[in-house]
Amino acid sequence: MIAVGVLMTGSVRRINFDDLTEWVPAFTTIVMMLFTYNIANGLTTGLIAYPLLKLAAGRVRELHVGQIILALLCAAYYLFGLPH
Protein backbone atom coordinates (compact mmCIF):
# COMPACT_ATOMS: atom_id res chain seq x y z
CA MET A 1 0.00 0.00 0.00
CA ILE A 2 2.86 2.37 0.75
CA ALA A 3 4.47 1.59 -2.61
CA VAL A 4 1.20 2.38 -4.40
CA GLY A 5 0.95 5.66 -2.49
CA VAL A 6 4.47 6.64 -3.47
CA LEU A 7 3.77 5.85 -7.12
CA MET A 8 0.56 7.90 -7.02
CA THR A 9 2.24 11.04 -5.69
CA GLY A 10 3.72 11.78 -9.11
CA SER A 11 0.23 11.81 -10.63
CA VAL A 12 -1.06 14.33 -8.11
CA ARG A 13 0.91 17.06 -9.89
CA ARG A 14 -1.18 16.53 -13.02
CA ILE A 15 -4.54 17.11 -11.30
CA ASN A 16 -6.28 20.26 -12.52
CA PHE A 17 -6.85 22.09 -9.22
CA ASP A 18 -8.60 24.96 -11.00
CA ASP A 19 -11.54 22.69 -11.89
CA LEU A 20 -13.67 21.49 -8.98
CA THR A 21 -15.07 18.59 -11.03
CA GLU A 22 -11.54 17.28 -11.55
CA TRP A 23 -9.85 17.58 -8.16
CA VAL A 24 -12.74 16.54 -5.89
CA PRO A 25 -13.01 13.00 -7.36
CA ALA A 26 -9.22 12.69 -7.16
CA PHE A 27 -9.27 13.84 -3.54
CA THR A 28 -12.08 11.44 -2.60
CA THR A 29 -10.19 8.59 -4.27
CA ILE A 30 -7.03 9.30 -2.28
CA VAL A 31 -8.86 9.83 1.01
CA MET A 32 -10.95 6.67 0.67
CA MET A 33 -7.83 4.64 -0.11
CA LEU A 34 -6.17 5.98 3.02
CA PHE A 35 -9.07 5.51 5.40
CA THR A 36 -10.36 2.16 4.17
CA TYR A 37 -6.95 0.61 3.42
CA ASN A 38 -8.49 -0.64 0.19
CA ILE A 39 -7.55 0.50 -3.30
CA ALA A 40 -10.83 -0.76 -4.80
CA ASN A 41 -12.93 1.32 -2.42
CA GLY A 42 -10.95 4.43 -3.30
CA LEU A 43 -11.20 3.87 -7.02
CA THR A 44 -14.91 3.15 -6.95
CA THR A 45 -15.54 6.29 -4.91
CA GLY A 46 -13.71 8.42 -7.47
CA LEU A 47 -15.43 6.70 -10.38
CA ILE A 48 -18.80 7.54 -8.83
CA ALA A 49 -17.89 11.11 -7.86
CA TYR A 50 -16.55 12.16 -11.27
CA PRO A 51 -19.77 11.75 -13.31
CA LEU A 52 -21.90 13.04 -10.45
CA LEU A 53 -19.93 16.27 -10.28
CA LYS A 54 -19.95 16.68 -14.06
CA LEU A 55 -23.73 16.22 -14.05
CA ALA A 56 -24.15 18.66 -11.15
CA ALA A 57 -22.01 21.25 -12.94
CA GLY A 58 -24.06 20.91 -16.12
CA ARG A 59 -21.11 19.58 -18.11
CA VAL A 60 -22.72 16.36 -19.32
CA ARG A 61 -21.07 16.65 -22.74
CA GLU A 62 -17.70 15.94 -21.15
CA LEU A 63 -18.89 12.48 -20.07
CA HIS A 64 -18.77 9.32 -22.12
CA VAL A 65 -21.38 6.58 -21.90
CA GLY A 66 -18.75 4.20 -20.52
CA GLN A 67 -18.05 6.52 -17.59
CA ILE A 68 -21.72 6.62 -16.65
CA ILE A 69 -22.05 2.83 -16.93
CA LEU A 70 -18.92 2.33 -14.84
CA ALA A 71 -20.24 4.74 -12.19
CA LEU A 72 -23.52 2.82 -12.03
CA LEU A 73 -21.65 -0.47 -11.65
CA CYS A 74 -19.52 1.00 -8.87
CA ALA A 75 -22.63 2.30 -7.14
CA ALA A 76 -24.10 -1.21 -7.37
CA TYR A 77 -20.91 -2.48 -5.70
CA TYR A 78 -21.52 -0.16 -2.76
CA LEU A 79 -25.22 -0.93 -2.57
CA PHE A 80 -25.14 -4.70 -2.99
CA GLY A 81 -21.61 -6.10 -3.02
CA LEU A 82 -19.81 -4.43 -0.15
CA PRO A 83 -19.82 -6.65 2.95
CA HIS A 84 -21.50 -5.00 5.90
PDB file of N, CA and C in Angstrom:
ATOM      1  N   MET A   1       0.823  -1.190   0.000  1.00  0.00           N
ATOM      2  CA  MET A   1       0.000   0.000   0.000  1.00  0.00           C
ATOM      3  C   MET A   1       0.868   1.257   0.000  1.00  0.00           C
ATOM      4  N   ILE A   2       1.962   1.214   0.720  1.00  0.00           N
ATOM      5  CA  ILE A   2       2.864   2.366   0.746  1.00  0.00           C
ATOM      6  C   ILE A   2       3.494   2.577  -0.625  1.00  0.00           C
ATOM      7  N   ALA A   3       3.874   1.488  -1.276  1.00  0.00           N
ATOM      8  CA  ALA A   3       4.473   1.590  -2.614  1.00  0.00           C
ATOM      9  C   ALA A   3       3.483   2.198  -3.601  1.00  0.00           C
ATOM     10  N   VAL A   4       2.232   1.818  -3.520  1.00  0.00           N
ATOM     11  CA  VAL A   4       1.205   2.379  -4.400  1.00  0.00           C
ATOM     12  C   VAL A   4       1.045   3.870  -4.118  1.00  0.00           C
ATOM     13  N   GLY A   5       1.056   4.247  -2.857  1.00  0.00           N
ATOM     14  CA  GLY A   5       0.952   5.655  -2.491  1.00  0.00           C
ATOM     15  C   GLY A   5       2.105   6.481  -3.025  1.00  0.00           C
ATOM     16  N   VAL A   6       3.298   5.940  -2.954  1.00  0.00           N
ATOM     17  CA  VAL A   6       4.474   6.642  -3.474  1.00  0.00           C
ATOM     18  C   VAL A   6       4.363   6.810  -4.988  1.00  0.00           C
ATOM     19  N   LEU A   7       3.920   5.768  -5.668  1.00  0.00           N
ATOM     20  CA  LEU A   7       3.770   5.854  -7.119  1.00  0.00           C
ATOM     21  C   LEU A   7       2.670   6.836  -7.526  1.00  0.00           C
ATOM     22  N   MET A   8       1.660   6.983  -6.701  1.00  0.00           N
ATOM     23  CA  MET A   8       0.559   7.896  -7.020  1.00  0.00           C
ATOM     24  C   MET A   8       0.922   9.359  -6.808  1.00  0.00           C
ATOM     25  N   THR A   9       1.899   9.645  -5.984  1.00  0.00           N
ATOM     26  CA  THR A   9       2.235  11.039  -5.689  1.00  0.00           C
ATOM     27  C   THR A   9       2.689  11.798  -6.928  1.00  0.00           C
ATOM     28  N   GLY A  10       3.311  11.120  -7.861  1.00  0.00           N
ATOM     29  CA  GLY A  10       3.716  11.781  -9.105  1.00  0.00           C
ATOM     30  C   GLY A  10       2.524  12.213  -9.937  1.00  0.00           C
ATOM     31  N   SER A  11       1.425  11.479  -9.866  1.00  0.00           N
ATOM     32  CA  SER A  11       0.225  11.808 -10.630  1.00  0.00           C
ATOM     33  C   SER A  11      -0.544  12.974 -10.026  1.00  0.00           C
ATOM     34  N   VAL A  12      -0.343  13.238  -8.763  1.00  0.00           N
ATOM     35  CA  VAL A  12      -1.060  14.333  -8.109  1.00  0.00           C
ATOM     36  C   VAL A  12      -0.702  15.666  -8.745  1.00  0.00           C
ATOM     37  N   ARG A  13       0.495  15.800  -9.252  1.00  0.00           N
ATOM     38  CA  ARG A  13       0.914  17.055  -9.885  1.00  0.00           C
ATOM     39  C   ARG A  13       0.106  17.363 -11.132  1.00  0.00           C
ATOM     40  N   ARG A  14      -0.448  16.331 -11.773  1.00  0.00           N
ATOM     41  CA  ARG A  14      -1.183  16.528 -13.024  1.00  0.00           C
ATOM     42  C   ARG A  14      -2.682  16.764 -12.819  1.00  0.00           C
ATOM     43  N   ILE A  15      -3.129  16.839 -11.575  1.00  0.00           N
ATOM     44  CA  ILE A  15      -4.542  17.113 -11.304  1.00  0.00           C
ATOM     45  C   ILE A  15      -4.808  18.595 -11.552  1.00  0.00           C
ATOM     46  N   ASN A  16      -5.902  18.885 -12.240  1.00  0.00           N
ATOM     47  CA  ASN A  16      -6.282  20.264 -12.520  1.00  0.00           C
ATOM     48  C   ASN A  16      -7.008  20.826 -11.295  1.00  0.00           C
ATOM     49  N   PHE A  17      -6.279  21.556 -10.455  1.00  0.00           N
ATOM     50  CA  PHE A  17      -6.852  22.086  -9.222  1.00  0.00           C
ATOM     51  C   PHE A  17      -7.714  23.317  -9.458  1.00  0.00           C
ATOM     52  N   ASP A  18      -7.735  23.831 -10.682  1.00  0.00           N
ATOM     53  CA  ASP A  18      -8.596  24.963 -11.003  1.00  0.00           C
ATOM     54  C   ASP A  18     -10.030  24.517 -11.283  1.00  0.00           C
ATOM     55  N   ASP A  19     -10.229  23.232 -11.545  1.00  0.00           N
ATOM     56  CA  ASP A  19     -11.541  22.689 -11.894  1.00  0.00           C
ATOM     57  C   ASP A  19     -12.038  21.796 -10.760  1.00  0.00           C
ATOM     58  N   LEU A  20     -13.106  22.220 -10.116  1.00  0.00           N
ATOM     59  CA  LEU A  20     -13.674  21.491  -8.983  1.00  0.00           C
ATOM     60  C   LEU A  20     -14.093  20.078  -9.376  1.00  0.00           C
ATOM     61  N   THR A  21     -14.597  19.910 -10.599  1.00  0.00           N
ATOM     62  CA  THR A  21     -15.070  18.591 -11.028  1.00  0.00           C
ATOM     63  C   THR A  21     -13.925  17.637 -11.346  1.00  0.00           C
ATOM     64  N   GLU A  22     -12.708  18.124 -11.317  1.00  0.00           N
ATOM     65  CA  GLU A  22     -11.541  17.278 -11.547  1.00  0.00           C
ATOM     66  C   GLU A  22     -10.836  16.908 -10.242  1.00  0.00           C
ATOM     67  N   TRP A  23     -10.655  17.873  -9.347  1.00  0.00           N
ATOM     68  CA  TRP A  23      -9.855  17.576  -8.164  1.00  0.00           C
ATOM     69  C   TRP A  23     -10.649  16.925  -7.044  1.00  0.00           C
ATOM     70  N   VAL A  24     -11.956  17.162  -6.956  1.00  0.00           N
ATOM     71  CA  VAL A  24     -12.741  16.541  -5.886  1.00  0.00           C
ATOM     72  C   VAL A  24     -12.787  15.018  -6.041  1.00  0.00           C
ATOM     73  N   PRO A  25     -13.055  14.463  -7.237  1.00  0.00           N
ATOM     74  CA  PRO A  25     -13.006  13.001  -7.363  1.00  0.00           C
ATOM     75  C   PRO A  25     -11.617  12.428  -7.057  1.00  0.00           C
ATOM     76  N   ALA A  26     -10.572  13.147  -7.460  1.00  0.00           N
ATOM     77  CA  ALA A  26      -9.216  12.686  -7.161  1.00  0.00           C
ATOM     78  C   ALA A  26      -8.970  12.696  -5.655  1.00  0.00           C
ATOM     79  N   PHE A  27      -9.430  13.732  -4.993  1.00  0.00           N
ATOM     80  CA  PHE A  27      -9.275  13.836  -3.538  1.00  0.00           C
ATOM     81  C   PHE A  27     -10.044  12.729  -2.824  1.00  0.00           C
ATOM     82  N   THR A  28     -11.289  12.484  -3.249  1.00  0.00           N
ATOM     83  CA  THR A  28     -12.076  11.437  -2.601  1.00  0.00           C
ATOM     84  C   THR A  28     -11.450  10.062  -2.825  1.00  0.00           C
ATOM     85  N   THR A  29     -10.869   9.859  -3.991  1.00  0.00           N
ATOM     86  CA  THR A  29     -10.191   8.593  -4.270  1.00  0.00           C
ATOM     87  C   THR A  29      -9.025   8.384  -3.300  1.00  0.00           C
ATOM     88  N   ILE A  30      -8.202   9.394  -3.154  1.00  0.00           N
ATOM     89  CA  ILE A  30      -7.034   9.297  -2.277  1.00  0.00           C
ATOM     90  C   ILE A  30      -7.454   9.118  -0.825  1.00  0.00           C
ATOM     91  N   VAL A  31      -8.428   9.893  -0.384  1.00  0.00           N
ATOM     92  CA  VAL A  31      -8.865   9.833   1.010  1.00  0.00           C
ATOM     93  C   VAL A  31      -9.486   8.476   1.326  1.00  0.00           C
ATOM     94  N   MET A  32     -10.322   7.974   0.424  1.00  0.00           N
ATOM     95  CA  MET A  32     -10.948   6.672   0.673  1.00  0.00           C
ATOM     96  C   MET A  32      -9.909   5.549   0.695  1.00  0.00           C
ATOM     97  N   MET A  33      -8.888   5.648  -0.149  1.00  0.00           N
ATOM     98  CA  MET A  33      -7.829   4.638  -0.112  1.00  0.00           C
ATOM     99  C   MET A  33      -7.108   4.669   1.233  1.00  0.00           C
ATOM    100  N   LEU A  34      -6.872   5.858   1.739  1.00  0.00           N
ATOM    101  CA  LEU A  34      -6.166   5.983   3.019  1.00  0.00           C
ATOM    102  C   LEU A  34      -6.990   5.475   4.186  1.00  0.00           C
ATOM    103  N   PHE A  35      -8.255   5.839   4.230  1.00  0.00           N
ATOM    104  CA  PHE A  35      -9.070   5.513   5.404  1.00  0.00           C
ATOM    105  C   PHE A  35      -9.639   4.105   5.394  1.00  0.00           C
ATOM    106  N   THR A  36      -9.817   3.519   4.211  1.00  0.00           N
ATOM    107  CA  THR A  36     -10.365   2.161   4.173  1.00  0.00           C
ATOM    108  C   THR A  36      -9.285   1.109   3.975  1.00  0.00           C
ATOM    109  N   TYR A  37      -8.055   1.531   3.704  1.00  0.00           N
ATOM    110  CA  TYR A  37      -6.948   0.609   3.423  1.00  0.00           C
ATOM    111  C   TYR A  37      -7.289  -0.332   2.268  1.00  0.00           C
ATOM    112  N   ASN A  38      -8.033   0.170   1.292  1.00  0.00           N
ATOM    113  CA  ASN A  38      -8.491  -0.645   0.186  1.00  0.00           C
ATOM    114  C   ASN A  38      -8.463   0.192  -1.085  1.00  0.00           C
ATOM    115  N   ILE A  39      -7.669  -0.233  -2.048  1.00  0.00           N
ATOM    116  CA  ILE A  39      -7.547   0.499  -3.300  1.00  0.00           C
ATOM    117  C   ILE A  39      -8.864   0.482  -4.067  1.00  0.00           C
ATOM    118  N   ALA A  40      -9.563  -0.638  -4.057  1.00  0.00           N
ATOM    119  CA  ALA A  40     -10.826  -0.759  -4.802  1.00  0.00           C
ATOM    120  C   ALA A  40     -11.877   0.212  -4.273  1.00  0.00           C
ATOM    121  N   ASN A  41     -11.963   0.368  -2.971  1.00  0.00           N
ATOM    122  CA  ASN A  41     -12.931   1.317  -2.416  1.00  0.00           C
ATOM    123  C   ASN A  41     -12.608   2.744  -2.831  1.00  0.00           C
ATOM    124  N   GLY A  42     -11.345   3.085  -2.863  1.00  0.00           N
ATOM    125  CA  GLY A  42     -10.952   4.426  -3.296  1.00  0.00           C
ATOM    126  C   GLY A  42     -11.270   4.667  -4.755  1.00  0.00           C
ATOM    127  N   LEU A  43     -10.932   3.710  -5.591  1.00  0.00           N
ATOM    128  CA  LEU A  43     -11.197   3.871  -7.018  1.00  0.00           C
ATOM    129  C   LEU A  43     -12.688   3.963  -7.318  1.00  0.00           C
ATOM    130  N   THR A  44     -13.474   3.116  -6.682  1.00  0.00           N
ATOM    131  CA  THR A  44     -14.906   3.153  -6.954  1.00  0.00           C
ATOM    132  C   THR A  44     -15.525   4.466  -6.475  1.00  0.00           C
ATOM    133  N   THR A  45     -15.034   5.006  -5.388  1.00  0.00           N
ATOM    134  CA  THR A  45     -15.542   6.294  -4.915  1.00  0.00           C
ATOM    135  C   THR A  45     -15.255   7.397  -5.932  1.00  0.00           C
ATOM    136  N   GLY A  46     -14.054   7.422  -6.462  1.00  0.00           N
ATOM    137  CA  GLY A  46     -13.714   8.420  -7.470  1.00  0.00           C
ATOM    138  C   GLY A  46     -14.479   8.229  -8.767  1.00  0.00           C
ATOM    139  N   LEU A  47     -14.697   6.975  -9.145  1.00  0.00           N
ATOM    140  CA  LEU A  47     -15.434   6.696 -10.377  1.00  0.00           C
ATOM    141  C   LEU A  47     -16.913   7.061 -10.251  1.00  0.00           C
ATOM    142  N   ILE A  48     -17.418   7.092  -9.053  1.00  0.00           N
ATOM    143  CA  ILE A  48     -18.796   7.539  -8.829  1.00  0.00           C
ATOM    144  C   ILE A  48     -18.848   9.063  -8.756  1.00  0.00           C
ATOM    145  N   ALA A  49     -17.880   9.667  -8.078  1.00  0.00           N
ATOM    146  CA  ALA A  49     -17.893  11.112  -7.863  1.00  0.00           C
ATOM    147  C   ALA A  49     -17.691  11.902  -9.152  1.00  0.00           C
ATOM    148  N   TYR A  50     -16.867  11.406 -10.055  1.00  0.00           N
ATOM    149  CA  TYR A  50     -16.555  12.157 -11.275  1.00  0.00           C
ATOM    150  C   TYR A  50     -17.801  12.449 -12.111  1.00  0.00           C
ATOM    151  N   PRO A  51     -18.581  11.433 -12.515  1.00  0.00           N
ATOM    152  CA  PRO A  51     -19.772  11.752 -13.311  1.00  0.00           C
ATOM    153  C   PRO A  51     -20.828  12.536 -12.534  1.00  0.00           C
ATOM    154  N   LEU A  52     -20.927  12.287 -11.234  1.00  0.00           N
ATOM    155  CA  LEU A  52     -21.898  13.037 -10.445  1.00  0.00           C
ATOM    156  C   LEU A  52     -21.580  14.529 -10.435  1.00  0.00           C
ATOM    157  N   LEU A  53     -20.318  14.865 -10.277  1.00  0.00           N
ATOM    158  CA  LEU A  53     -19.929  16.274 -10.276  1.00  0.00           C
ATOM    159  C   LEU A  53     -20.069  16.908 -11.651  1.00  0.00           C
ATOM    160  N   LYS A  54     -19.762  16.156 -12.697  1.00  0.00           N
ATOM    161  CA  LYS A  54     -19.946  16.683 -14.057  1.00  0.00           C
ATOM    162  C   LYS A  54     -21.424  16.943 -14.328  1.00  0.00           C
ATOM    163  N   LEU A  55     -22.287  16.026 -13.886  1.00  0.00           N
ATOM    164  CA  LEU A  55     -23.728  16.219 -14.054  1.00  0.00           C
ATOM    165  C   LEU A  55     -24.212  17.416 -13.243  1.00  0.00           C
ATOM    166  N   ALA A  56     -23.735  17.552 -12.015  1.00  0.00           N
ATOM    167  CA  ALA A  56     -24.151  18.660 -11.153  1.00  0.00           C
ATOM    168  C   ALA A  56     -23.681  20.005 -11.705  1.00  0.00           C
ATOM    169  N   ALA A  57     -22.544  20.008 -12.374  1.00  0.00           N
ATOM    170  CA  ALA A  57     -22.006  21.250 -12.939  1.00  0.00           C
ATOM    171  C   ALA A  57     -22.619  21.578 -14.296  1.00  0.00           C
ATOM    172  N   GLY A  58     -23.445  20.676 -14.812  1.00  0.00           N
ATOM    173  CA  GLY A  58     -24.060  20.906 -16.119  1.00  0.00           C
ATOM    174  C   GLY A  58     -23.113  20.667 -17.279  1.00  0.00           C
ATOM    175  N   ARG A  59     -22.102  19.863 -17.066  1.00  0.00           N
ATOM    176  CA  ARG A  59     -21.111  19.584 -18.109  1.00  0.00           C
ATOM    177  C   ARG A  59     -21.226  18.137 -18.576  1.00  0.00           C
ATOM    178  N   VAL A  60     -22.433  17.741 -18.927  1.00  0.00           N
ATOM    179  CA  VAL A  60     -22.725  16.364 -19.320  1.00  0.00           C
ATOM    180  C   VAL A  60     -21.986  15.985 -20.596  1.00  0.00           C
ATOM    181  N   ARG A  61     -21.733  16.932 -21.459  1.00  0.00           N
ATOM    182  CA  ARG A  61     -21.068  16.646 -22.739  1.00  0.00           C
ATOM    183  C   ARG A  61     -19.632  16.163 -22.569  1.00  0.00           C
ATOM    184  N   GLU A  62     -19.067  16.400 -21.414  1.00  0.00           N
ATOM    185  CA  GLU A  62     -17.701  15.941 -21.148  1.00  0.00           C
ATOM    186  C   GLU A  62     -17.657  14.475 -20.733  1.00  0.00           C
ATOM    187  N   LEU A  63     -18.819  13.881 -20.489  1.00  0.00           N
ATOM    188  CA  LEU A  63     -18.890  12.484 -20.067  1.00  0.00           C
ATOM    189  C   LEU A  63     -19.086  11.565 -21.260  1.00  0.00           C
ATOM    190  N   HIS A  64     -18.551  10.370 -21.132  1.00  0.00           N
ATOM    191  CA  HIS A  64     -18.774   9.320 -22.117  1.00  0.00           C
ATOM    192  C   HIS A  64     -19.751   8.315 -21.512  1.00  0.00           C
ATOM    193  N   VAL A  65     -20.414   7.572 -22.360  1.00  0.00           N
ATOM    194  CA  VAL A  65     -21.385   6.583 -21.901  1.00  0.00           C
ATOM    195  C   VAL A  65     -20.704   5.561 -20.989  1.00  0.00           C
ATOM    196  N   GLY A  66     -19.488   5.177 -21.325  1.00  0.00           N
ATOM    197  CA  GLY A  66     -18.753   4.204 -20.515  1.00  0.00           C
ATOM    198  C   GLY A  66     -18.507   4.686 -19.100  1.00  0.00           C
ATOM    199  N   GLN A  67     -18.276   5.978 -18.929  1.00  0.00           N
ATOM    200  CA  GLN A  67     -18.054   6.520 -17.592  1.00  0.00           C
ATOM    201  C   GLN A  67     -19.321   6.438 -16.748  1.00  0.00           C
ATOM    202  N   ILE A  68     -20.452   6.690 -17.370  1.00  0.00           N
ATOM    203  CA  ILE A  68     -21.715   6.616 -16.647  1.00  0.00           C
ATOM    204  C   ILE A  68     -22.031   5.176 -16.275  1.00  0.00           C
ATOM    205  N   ILE A  69     -21.801   4.252 -17.210  1.00  0.00           N
ATOM    206  CA  ILE A  69     -22.045   2.834 -16.932  1.00  0.00           C
ATOM    207  C   ILE A  69     -21.125   2.348 -15.811  1.00  0.00           C
ATOM    208  N   LEU A  70     -19.868   2.734 -15.872  1.00  0.00           N
ATOM    209  CA  LEU A  70     -18.919   2.334 -14.835  1.00  0.00           C
ATOM    210  C   LEU A  70     -19.308   2.908 -13.473  1.00  0.00           C
ATOM    211  N   ALA A  71     -19.794   4.138 -13.444  1.00  0.00           N
ATOM    212  CA  ALA A  71     -20.237   4.738 -12.187  1.00  0.00           C
ATOM    213  C   ALA A  71     -21.440   3.987 -11.627  1.00  0.00           C
ATOM    214  N   LEU A  72     -22.354   3.575 -12.494  1.00  0.00           N
ATOM    215  CA  LEU A  72     -23.516   2.816 -12.031  1.00  0.00           C
ATOM    216  C   LEU A  72     -23.097   1.451 -11.495  1.00  0.00           C
ATOM    217  N   LEU A  73     -22.137   0.816 -12.145  1.00  0.00           N
ATOM    218  CA  LEU A  73     -21.648  -0.471 -11.655  1.00  0.00           C
ATOM    219  C   LEU A  73     -20.943  -0.322 -10.306  1.00  0.00           C
ATOM    220  N   CYS A  74     -20.184   0.757 -10.153  1.00  0.00           N
ATOM    221  CA  CYS A  74     -19.516   0.998  -8.874  1.00  0.00           C
ATOM    222  C   CYS A  74     -20.528   1.307  -7.781  1.00  0.00           C
ATOM    223  N   ALA A  75     -21.579   2.029  -8.121  1.00  0.00           N
ATOM    224  CA  ALA A  75     -22.631   2.300  -7.138  1.00  0.00           C
ATOM    225  C   ALA A  75     -23.317   1.003  -6.731  1.00  0.00           C
ATOM    226  N   ALA A  76     -23.510   0.095  -7.683  1.00  0.00           N
ATOM    227  CA  ALA A  76     -24.102  -1.208  -7.369  1.00  0.00           C
ATOM    228  C   ALA A  76     -23.190  -1.995  -6.431  1.00  0.00           C
ATOM    229  N   TYR A  77     -21.874  -1.842  -6.599  1.00  0.00           N
ATOM    230  CA  TYR A  77     -20.912  -2.478  -5.695  1.00  0.00           C
ATOM    231  C   TYR A  77     -21.129  -2.002  -4.266  1.00  0.00           C
ATOM    232  N   TYR A  78     -21.308  -0.700  -4.095  1.00  0.00           N
ATOM    233  CA  TYR A  78     -21.517  -0.165  -2.756  1.00  0.00           C
ATOM    234  C   TYR A  78     -22.876  -0.541  -2.191  1.00  0.00           C
ATOM    235  N   LEU A  79     -23.874  -0.601  -3.047  1.00  0.00           N
ATOM    236  CA  LEU A  79     -25.220  -0.930  -2.572  1.00  0.00           C
ATOM    237  C   LEU A  79     -25.416  -2.402  -2.265  1.00  0.00           C
ATOM    238  N   PHE A  80     -24.838  -3.280  -3.108  1.00  0.00           N
ATOM    239  CA  PHE A  80     -25.139  -4.698  -2.990  1.00  0.00           C
ATOM    240  C   PHE A  80     -23.938  -5.590  -2.691  1.00  0.00           C
ATOM    241  N   GLY A  81     -22.741  -5.193  -3.094  1.00  0.00           N
ATOM    242  CA  GLY A  81     -21.608  -6.096  -3.018  1.00  0.00           C
ATOM    243  C   GLY A  81     -20.674  -5.882  -1.857  1.00  0.00           C
ATOM    244  N   LEU A  82     -20.729  -4.737  -1.238  1.00  0.00           N
ATOM    245  CA  LEU A  82     -19.809  -4.433  -0.145  1.00  0.00           C
ATOM    246  C   LEU A  82     -20.264  -5.150   1.113  1.00  0.00           C
ATOM    247  N   PRO A  83     -19.415  -5.958   1.720  1.00  0.00           N
ATOM    248  CA  PRO A  83     -19.824  -6.646   2.949  1.00  0.00           C
ATOM    249  C   PRO A  83     -20.090  -5.654   4.075  1.00  0.00           C
ATOM    250  N   HIS A  84     -21.123  -5.900   4.802  1.00  0.00           N
ATOM    251  CA  HIS A  84     -21.501  -4.998   5.903  1.00  0.00           C
ATOM    252  C   HIS A  84     -21.100  -5.583   7.224  1.00  0.00           C
TER     253      HIS A  84
END
